[in-house]
Amino acid sequence: SSKLSSLLGKLIALAILCLPLFAHKQNYSISDQSDTMHFRNYALSILDTLPMNSLFIINYDQQWTSIRYMQECEGVRPDITSVNLSMMS
C-alpha cells in the first residue's frame, strides 16, 4: 500500500510536470511570431523617408521601440537622431 501510494504520487507529479511541455508542443506553431516583420517594416518605412542627418522627434512608444531597435541593433540609418518626446518632459 505504501509503495503503491508512493508510485501513484510520483506518477501524478510527473504528469503535472509534463502538462506545460505538452501544451507548449501543441500550441507552438500557432504562437510562433519569429517570421512576423510588421514592426521592422514599419520602422524601415519611417526611416527610409527621412533626409540625411535628421532629428526625428517621436511621441509614440511603438515608433520609438521599433526605430531604436532598427538603429541600435540592426545598424539602420545611424545618421538619424531619434528623440522620444515623452522622455523629455
N, C-alpha and C. Protein backbone atom coordinates (compact mmCIF):
# COMPACT_ATOMS: atom_id res chain seq x y z
N SER A 1 0.83 -1.19 0.00
CA SER A 1 0.00 0.00 0.00
C SER A 1 0.87 1.25 0.00
N SER A 2 1.93 1.25 0.80
CA SER A 2 2.82 2.41 0.88
C SER A 2 3.59 2.59 -0.43
N LYS A 3 4.03 1.45 -1.03
CA LYS A 3 4.75 1.52 -2.30
C LYS A 3 3.82 1.99 -3.42
N LEU A 4 2.59 1.51 -3.40
CA LEU A 4 1.60 1.91 -4.41
C LEU A 4 1.29 3.40 -4.29
N SER A 5 1.16 3.87 -3.06
CA SER A 5 0.88 5.29 -2.81
C SER A 5 2.04 6.16 -3.27
N SER A 6 3.26 5.70 -3.01
CA SER A 6 4.45 6.44 -3.42
C SER A 6 4.55 6.48 -4.94
N LEU A 7 4.30 5.34 -5.60
CA LEU A 7 4.35 5.28 -7.05
C LEU A 7 3.27 6.16 -7.68
N LEU A 8 2.09 6.13 -7.12
CA LEU A 8 0.99 6.96 -7.60
C LEU A 8 1.33 8.45 -7.47
N GLY A 9 1.92 8.81 -6.35
CA GLY A 9 2.33 10.21 -6.13
C GLY A 9 3.37 10.65 -7.15
N LYS A 10 4.32 9.77 -7.46
CA LYS A 10 5.36 10.10 -8.44
C LYS A 10 4.76 10.24 -9.84
N LEU A 11 3.82 9.36 -10.18
CA LEU A 11 3.18 9.44 -11.48
C LEU A 11 2.36 10.72 -11.63
N ILE A 12 1.68 11.11 -10.58
CA ILE A 12 0.90 12.36 -10.60
C ILE A 12 1.83 13.56 -10.75
N ALA A 13 2.93 13.55 -10.01
CA ALA A 13 3.90 14.65 -10.10
C ALA A 13 4.49 14.72 -11.51
N LEU A 14 4.80 13.57 -12.08
CA LEU A 14 5.35 13.54 -13.44
C LEU A 14 4.33 14.07 -14.44
N ALA A 15 3.08 13.69 -14.29
CA ALA A 15 2.02 14.16 -15.19
C ALA A 15 1.86 15.67 -15.08
N ILE A 16 1.92 16.20 -13.87
CA ILE A 16 1.78 17.65 -13.67
C ILE A 16 2.96 18.39 -14.29
N LEU A 17 4.15 17.83 -14.18
CA LEU A 17 5.33 18.46 -14.77
C LEU A 17 5.31 18.39 -16.30
N CYS A 18 4.71 17.37 -16.86
CA CYS A 18 4.68 17.20 -18.31
C CYS A 18 3.57 18.02 -18.98
N LEU A 19 2.57 18.43 -18.24
CA LEU A 19 1.46 19.19 -18.81
C LEU A 19 1.90 20.47 -19.53
N PRO A 20 2.75 21.32 -18.93
CA PRO A 20 3.18 22.54 -19.65
C PRO A 20 3.97 22.22 -20.92
N LEU A 21 4.77 21.17 -20.89
CA LEU A 21 5.52 20.79 -22.08
C LEU A 21 4.58 20.34 -23.20
N PHE A 22 3.58 19.59 -22.85
CA PHE A 22 2.59 19.15 -23.83
C PHE A 22 1.84 20.35 -24.42
N ALA A 23 1.43 21.28 -23.55
CA ALA A 23 0.71 22.47 -24.03
C ALA A 23 1.61 23.31 -24.94
N HIS A 24 2.87 23.43 -24.59
CA HIS A 24 3.82 24.18 -25.42
C HIS A 24 3.96 23.52 -26.80
N LYS A 25 4.12 22.22 -26.81
CA LYS A 25 4.27 21.49 -28.08
C LYS A 25 3.02 21.63 -28.94
N GLN A 26 1.86 21.59 -28.34
CA GLN A 26 0.61 21.69 -29.10
C GLN A 26 0.37 23.08 -29.68
N ASN A 27 0.80 24.12 -28.96
CA ASN A 27 0.46 25.50 -29.35
C ASN A 27 1.60 26.29 -29.96
N TYR A 28 2.78 25.73 -30.04
CA TYR A 28 3.93 26.49 -30.53
C TYR A 28 3.72 26.99 -31.95
N SER A 29 3.22 26.15 -32.81
CA SER A 29 3.10 26.54 -34.22
C SER A 29 2.14 27.71 -34.42
N ILE A 30 1.10 27.83 -33.61
CA ILE A 30 0.18 28.95 -33.78
C ILE A 30 0.63 30.19 -33.00
N SER A 31 1.60 30.02 -32.09
CA SER A 31 2.08 31.15 -31.30
C SER A 31 3.41 31.70 -31.79
N ASP A 32 4.06 31.01 -32.69
CA ASP A 32 5.38 31.41 -33.16
C ASP A 32 5.27 32.71 -33.98
N GLN A 33 5.96 33.74 -33.52
CA GLN A 33 5.93 35.05 -34.20
C GLN A 33 7.30 35.40 -34.79
N SER A 34 8.17 34.41 -34.95
CA SER A 34 9.54 34.70 -35.40
C SER A 34 9.60 35.21 -36.84
N ASP A 35 8.60 34.93 -37.64
CA ASP A 35 8.60 35.41 -39.03
C ASP A 35 7.79 36.69 -39.22
N THR A 36 7.28 37.25 -38.16
CA THR A 36 6.47 38.46 -38.26
C THR A 36 7.40 39.67 -38.41
N MET A 37 7.20 40.43 -39.45
CA MET A 37 8.08 41.56 -39.76
C MET A 37 7.33 42.89 -39.78
N HIS A 38 6.17 42.98 -39.15
CA HIS A 38 5.36 44.19 -39.20
C HIS A 38 6.09 45.40 -38.61
N PHE A 39 6.65 45.24 -37.42
CA PHE A 39 7.32 46.38 -36.78
C PHE A 39 8.61 46.74 -37.49
N ARG A 40 9.30 45.75 -38.02
CA ARG A 40 10.52 46.01 -38.78
C ARG A 40 10.18 46.83 -40.03
N ASN A 41 9.18 46.39 -40.74
CA ASN A 41 8.76 47.10 -41.96
C ASN A 41 8.25 48.50 -41.63
N TYR A 42 7.55 48.63 -40.52
CA TYR A 42 7.03 49.92 -40.07
C TYR A 42 8.18 50.90 -39.82
N ALA A 43 9.18 50.43 -39.07
CA ALA A 43 10.32 51.29 -38.75
C ALA A 43 11.11 51.65 -40.00
N LEU A 44 11.31 50.68 -40.88
CA LEU A 44 12.05 50.96 -42.11
C LEU A 44 11.32 51.95 -43.00
N SER A 45 10.00 51.86 -43.04
CA SER A 45 9.26 52.80 -43.88
C SER A 45 9.35 54.23 -43.33
N ILE A 46 9.47 54.37 -42.03
CA ILE A 46 9.66 55.70 -41.45
C ILE A 46 11.08 56.19 -41.70
N LEU A 47 12.07 55.35 -41.38
CA LEU A 47 13.47 55.76 -41.50
C LEU A 47 13.86 56.04 -42.95
N ASP A 48 13.33 55.29 -43.88
CA ASP A 48 13.70 55.47 -45.29
C ASP A 48 13.23 56.80 -45.86
N THR A 49 12.19 57.38 -45.28
CA THR A 49 11.66 58.64 -45.83
C THR A 49 12.36 59.88 -45.28
N LEU A 50 13.16 59.73 -44.23
CA LEU A 50 13.80 60.89 -43.60
C LEU A 50 15.07 61.29 -44.34
N PRO A 51 15.33 62.61 -44.44
CA PRO A 51 16.57 63.07 -45.08
C PRO A 51 17.80 62.72 -44.21
N MET A 52 18.96 62.80 -44.81
CA MET A 52 20.21 62.53 -44.10
C MET A 52 20.36 63.45 -42.89
N ASN A 53 20.92 62.91 -41.82
CA ASN A 53 21.24 63.65 -40.59
C ASN A 53 20.04 64.34 -39.98
N SER A 54 18.89 63.71 -40.01
CA SER A 54 17.66 64.28 -39.48
C SER A 54 17.58 64.11 -37.97
N LEU A 55 16.78 64.98 -37.37
CA LEU A 55 16.38 64.83 -35.98
C LEU A 55 14.92 64.41 -36.01
N PHE A 56 14.64 63.23 -35.52
CA PHE A 56 13.29 62.69 -35.57
C PHE A 56 12.72 62.67 -34.16
N ILE A 57 11.69 63.48 -33.92
CA ILE A 57 11.06 63.56 -32.60
C ILE A 57 9.85 62.63 -32.60
N ILE A 58 9.91 61.64 -31.72
CA ILE A 58 8.89 60.59 -31.68
C ILE A 58 8.01 60.78 -30.45
N ASN A 59 6.71 60.56 -30.61
CA ASN A 59 5.80 60.69 -29.49
C ASN A 59 5.07 59.38 -29.16
N TYR A 60 5.29 58.34 -29.93
CA TYR A 60 4.57 57.09 -29.70
C TYR A 60 5.54 55.96 -29.38
N ASP A 61 5.18 55.14 -28.42
CA ASP A 61 6.06 54.06 -27.98
C ASP A 61 6.33 53.05 -29.08
N GLN A 62 5.34 52.77 -29.89
CA GLN A 62 5.51 51.80 -30.98
C GLN A 62 6.58 52.27 -31.97
N GLN A 63 6.55 53.54 -32.31
CA GLN A 63 7.58 54.10 -33.19
C GLN A 63 8.94 54.07 -32.52
N TRP A 64 8.96 54.49 -31.25
CA TRP A 64 10.22 54.60 -30.52
C TRP A 64 10.93 53.26 -30.45
N THR A 65 10.24 52.23 -30.00
CA THR A 65 10.90 50.93 -29.83
C THR A 65 11.28 50.32 -31.17
N SER A 66 10.44 50.47 -32.17
CA SER A 66 10.75 49.91 -33.49
C SER A 66 11.97 50.60 -34.10
N ILE A 67 11.98 51.89 -34.04
CA ILE A 67 13.08 52.65 -34.65
C ILE A 67 14.37 52.48 -33.87
N ARG A 68 14.30 52.52 -32.57
CA ARG A 68 15.51 52.33 -31.76
C ARG A 68 16.10 50.95 -31.98
N TYR A 69 15.26 49.93 -32.08
CA TYR A 69 15.78 48.59 -32.36
C TYR A 69 16.50 48.56 -33.70
N MET A 70 15.88 49.10 -34.72
CA MET A 70 16.48 49.05 -36.05
C MET A 70 17.80 49.84 -36.09
N GLN A 71 17.84 50.96 -35.38
CA GLN A 71 19.07 51.75 -35.37
C GLN A 71 20.17 51.11 -34.53
N GLU A 72 19.84 50.72 -33.32
CA GLU A 72 20.86 50.23 -32.40
C GLU A 72 21.28 48.78 -32.65
N CYS A 73 20.34 47.94 -33.01
CA CYS A 73 20.63 46.51 -33.16
C CYS A 73 20.94 46.12 -34.59
N GLU A 74 20.26 46.73 -35.54
CA GLU A 74 20.44 46.36 -36.94
C GLU A 74 21.34 47.34 -37.69
N GLY A 75 21.66 48.48 -37.06
CA GLY A 75 22.56 49.45 -37.69
C GLY A 75 21.95 50.22 -38.85
N VAL A 76 20.62 50.34 -38.87
CA VAL A 76 19.94 51.04 -39.95
C VAL A 76 19.91 52.54 -39.65
N ARG A 77 20.31 53.33 -40.60
CA ARG A 77 20.26 54.80 -40.55
C ARG A 77 20.84 55.39 -39.25
N PRO A 78 22.12 55.15 -38.99
CA PRO A 78 22.73 55.72 -37.79
C PRO A 78 22.88 57.24 -37.86
N ASP A 79 22.68 57.82 -39.04
CA ASP A 79 22.78 59.26 -39.21
C ASP A 79 21.60 60.01 -38.61
N ILE A 80 20.51 59.31 -38.35
CA ILE A 80 19.31 59.94 -37.81
C ILE A 80 19.35 59.90 -36.29
N THR A 81 19.07 61.05 -35.68
CA THR A 81 18.96 61.12 -34.23
C THR A 81 17.48 61.06 -33.88
N SER A 82 17.10 60.05 -33.12
CA SER A 82 15.69 59.93 -32.73
C SER A 82 15.56 60.27 -31.25
N VAL A 83 14.59 61.11 -30.96
CA VAL A 83 14.35 61.60 -29.61
C VAL A 83 12.92 61.29 -29.23
N ASN A 84 12.74 60.68 -28.08
CA ASN A 84 11.38 60.37 -27.59
C ASN A 84 10.86 61.58 -26.83
N LEU A 85 9.82 62.20 -27.34
CA LEU A 85 9.26 63.42 -26.77
C LEU A 85 8.77 63.20 -25.34
N SER A 86 8.15 62.08 -25.06
CA SER A 86 7.61 61.85 -23.71
C SER A 86 8.72 61.66 -22.68
N MET A 87 9.93 61.30 -23.10
CA MET A 87 11.05 61.17 -22.16
C MET A 87 11.73 62.50 -21.88
N MET A 88 11.37 63.50 -22.66
CA MET A 88 11.98 64.82 -22.47
C MET A 88 11.27 65.63 -21.39
N SER A 89 10.04 65.28 -21.09
CA SER A 89 9.31 66.08 -20.10
C SER A 89 9.18 65.38 -18.79
